[in-house]
């Protein structure tokens, strides 16, 4: 594998995990927001990640053996979570409806914390690939001296 290919694969993983971290942090920050600019409670966001083929200029380097098996991570979309809002009976709350219920965001704090940990670990793994690739490149240059 060429060094630049390894770096490109790791970079796609880094950018994907950064988006996942950002979205989870945004969800956690808005976990108790009952009124947004749209008027309702905050709706949690989900990141859709897909494995996409490598660009043709990279794929051709691997021939038939690996070219069709190597995929890179890519964020396809950030979508609203369609799960229902959590309703809590609190007639004294300024955002309570006529029945006295307040609609809170559909953010599950535990799920978001797991998502943050998972994305953080994946980010660290991709960063390790970048560092190892950099070390290999430097060692190769040292051999050529």
Protein backbone atom coordinates (compact mmCIF):
# COMPACT_ATOMS: atom_id res chain seq x y z
CA UNK A 1 0.00 0.00 0.00
CA UNK A 2 1.31 3.41 -0.87
CA UNK A 3 1.85 5.76 2.03
CA UNK A 4 -0.44 8.41 0.60
CA UNK A 5 -3.25 5.84 0.29
CA UNK A 6 -2.93 4.89 3.94
CA UNK A 7 -3.05 8.56 4.88
CA UNK A 8 -6.12 9.17 2.71
CA UNK A 9 -7.95 6.22 4.26
CA UNK A 10 -7.09 7.39 7.77
CA UNK A 11 -8.05 10.97 6.90
CA UNK A 12 -11.50 9.86 5.75
CA UNK A 13 -11.91 8.03 9.05
CA UNK A 14 -10.74 11.06 11.02
CA UNK A 15 -13.18 13.41 9.32
CA UNK A 16 -16.07 10.96 9.72
CA UNK A 17 -15.41 10.48 13.42
CA UNK A 18 -15.04 14.23 13.94
CA UNK A 19 -18.53 14.76 12.50
CA UNK A 20 -19.90 12.02 14.78
CA UNK A 21 -18.24 13.68 17.79
CA UNK A 22 -19.63 17.11 16.84
CA UNK A 23 -23.18 15.82 16.37
CA UNK A 24 -23.16 13.88 19.65
CA UNK A 25 -21.83 16.91 21.51
CA UNK A 26 -24.56 19.05 19.94
CA UNK A 27 -27.21 16.53 20.97
CA UNK A 28 -25.91 16.48 24.56
CA UNK A 29 -25.72 20.27 24.71
CA UNK A 30 -29.37 20.51 23.68
CA UNK A 31 -30.71 17.62 25.77
CA UNK A 32 -32.97 19.92 27.83
CA UNK A 33 -33.91 22.55 25.25
CA UNK A 34 -37.70 22.74 25.18
CA UNK A 35 -38.00 25.66 22.77
CA UNK A 36 -35.96 26.18 19.61
CA UNK A 37 -36.26 28.85 16.94
CA UNK A 38 -38.75 26.58 15.18
CA UNK A 39 -40.95 26.65 18.28
CA UNK A 40 -40.74 23.04 19.47
CA UNK A 41 -38.20 21.09 21.46
CA UNK A 42 -34.80 20.23 20.05
CA UNK A 43 -34.84 17.14 17.83
CA UNK A 44 -31.80 14.87 18.12
CA UNK A 45 -29.60 14.40 15.06
CA UNK A 46 -28.15 11.16 13.69
CA UNK A 47 -25.13 10.76 11.43
CA UNK A 48 -25.47 8.41 8.46
CA UNK A 49 -22.09 6.90 7.57
CA UNK A 50 -21.48 4.75 4.50
CA UNK A 51 -18.53 2.80 3.17
CA UNK A 52 -17.69 4.13 -0.27
CA UNK A 53 -15.18 2.86 -2.83
CA UNK A 54 -11.82 4.51 -3.15
CA UNK A 55 -11.27 6.97 -5.97
CA UNK A 56 -10.14 5.28 -9.21
CA UNK A 57 -6.62 6.75 -9.07
CA UNK A 58 -6.04 5.04 -5.71
CA UNK A 59 -7.91 1.84 -6.49
CA UNK A 60 -5.81 1.11 -9.60
CA UNK A 61 -2.69 0.81 -7.42
CA UNK A 62 -4.03 -2.37 -5.83
CA UNK A 63 -5.05 -4.25 -8.94
CA UNK A 64 -7.63 -7.01 -8.65
CA UNK A 65 -6.38 -8.33 -5.30
CA UNK A 66 -7.44 -5.49 -2.99
CA UNK A 67 -8.88 -2.74 -5.13
CA UNK A 68 -12.52 -3.74 -4.80
CA UNK A 69 -12.26 -4.60 -1.09
CA UNK A 70 -10.84 -1.34 0.28
CA UNK A 71 -13.52 1.14 1.28
CA UNK A 72 -13.40 4.49 3.02
CA UNK A 73 -15.83 5.91 5.56
CA UNK A 74 -17.87 8.89 4.46
CA UNK A 75 -20.66 10.90 6.09
CA UNK A 76 -23.66 10.66 3.79
CA UNK A 77 -26.12 12.79 5.76
CA UNK A 78 -27.05 14.23 9.12
CA UNK A 79 -30.73 13.53 9.72
CA UNK A 80 -33.29 14.27 12.42
CA UNK A 81 -34.11 11.45 14.81
CA UNK A 82 -37.81 10.68 14.29
CA UNK A 83 -38.37 9.11 17.72
CA UNK A 84 -41.08 10.78 19.83
CA UNK A 85 -40.33 13.54 22.30
CA UNK A 86 -40.28 12.79 26.01
CA UNK A 87 -43.29 14.28 27.83
CA UNK A 88 -43.10 15.31 31.48
CA UNK A 89 -45.99 16.58 33.56
CA UNK A 90 -44.96 20.03 34.84
CA UNK A 91 -47.82 22.56 34.68
CA UNK A 92 -45.61 25.32 36.16
CA UNK A 93 -43.13 25.15 33.27
CA UNK A 94 -43.41 28.05 30.79
CA UNK A 95 -43.49 25.61 27.84
CA UNK A 96 -46.23 23.38 29.28
CA UNK A 97 -49.19 22.69 27.01
CA UNK A 98 -52.86 22.98 28.01
CA UNK A 99 -52.71 19.54 29.71
CA UNK A 100 -49.66 20.60 31.76
CA UNK A 101 -47.14 18.45 29.86
CA UNK A 102 -43.77 19.71 28.66
CA UNK A 103 -42.20 18.11 25.61
CA UNK A 104 -38.47 17.51 26.06
CA UNK A 105 -35.98 16.60 23.33
CA UNK A 106 -35.71 13.00 22.16
CA UNK A 107 -32.05 12.89 23.22
CA UNK A 108 -31.03 9.77 25.13
CA UNK A 109 -28.05 10.93 27.19
CA UNK A 110 -26.69 7.42 27.76
CA UNK A 111 -26.81 6.59 24.06
CA UNK A 112 -25.08 9.85 23.21
CA UNK A 113 -22.33 9.18 25.77
CA UNK A 114 -21.72 5.74 24.23
CA UNK A 115 -21.68 7.35 20.78
CA UNK A 116 -19.11 9.90 22.02
CA UNK A 117 -16.88 7.17 23.44
CA UNK A 118 -17.13 5.04 20.31
CA UNK A 119 -16.38 7.95 17.97
CA UNK A 120 -13.52 9.07 20.21
CA UNK A 121 -11.92 5.60 20.15
CA UNK A 122 -12.34 5.34 16.38
CA UNK A 123 -10.79 8.81 16.00
CA UNK A 124 -7.82 7.71 18.13
CA UNK A 125 -7.41 4.55 16.04
CA UNK A 126 -7.31 6.55 12.81
CA UNK A 127 -4.87 8.99 14.35
CA UNK A 128 -2.64 6.04 15.27
CA UNK A 129 -2.67 4.95 11.62
CA UNK A 130 -1.54 8.42 10.59
CA UNK A 131 1.26 8.43 13.17
CA UNK A 132 2.44 4.91 12.27
CA UNK A 133 2.40 5.77 8.56
CA UNK A 134 4.40 8.93 9.25
CA UNK A 135 6.93 6.93 11.29
CA UNK A 136 7.27 4.35 8.51
CA UNK A 137 7.84 7.08 5.96
CA UNK A 138 10.54 8.68 8.11
CA UNK A 139 12.26 5.34 8.72
CA UNK A 140 12.21 4.65 4.97
CA UNK A 141 13.84 8.01 4.33
CA UNK A 142 16.48 7.21 6.96
CA UNK A 143 17.29 3.94 5.15
CA UNK A 144 17.89 5.84 1.91
CA UNK A 145 20.51 8.10 3.47
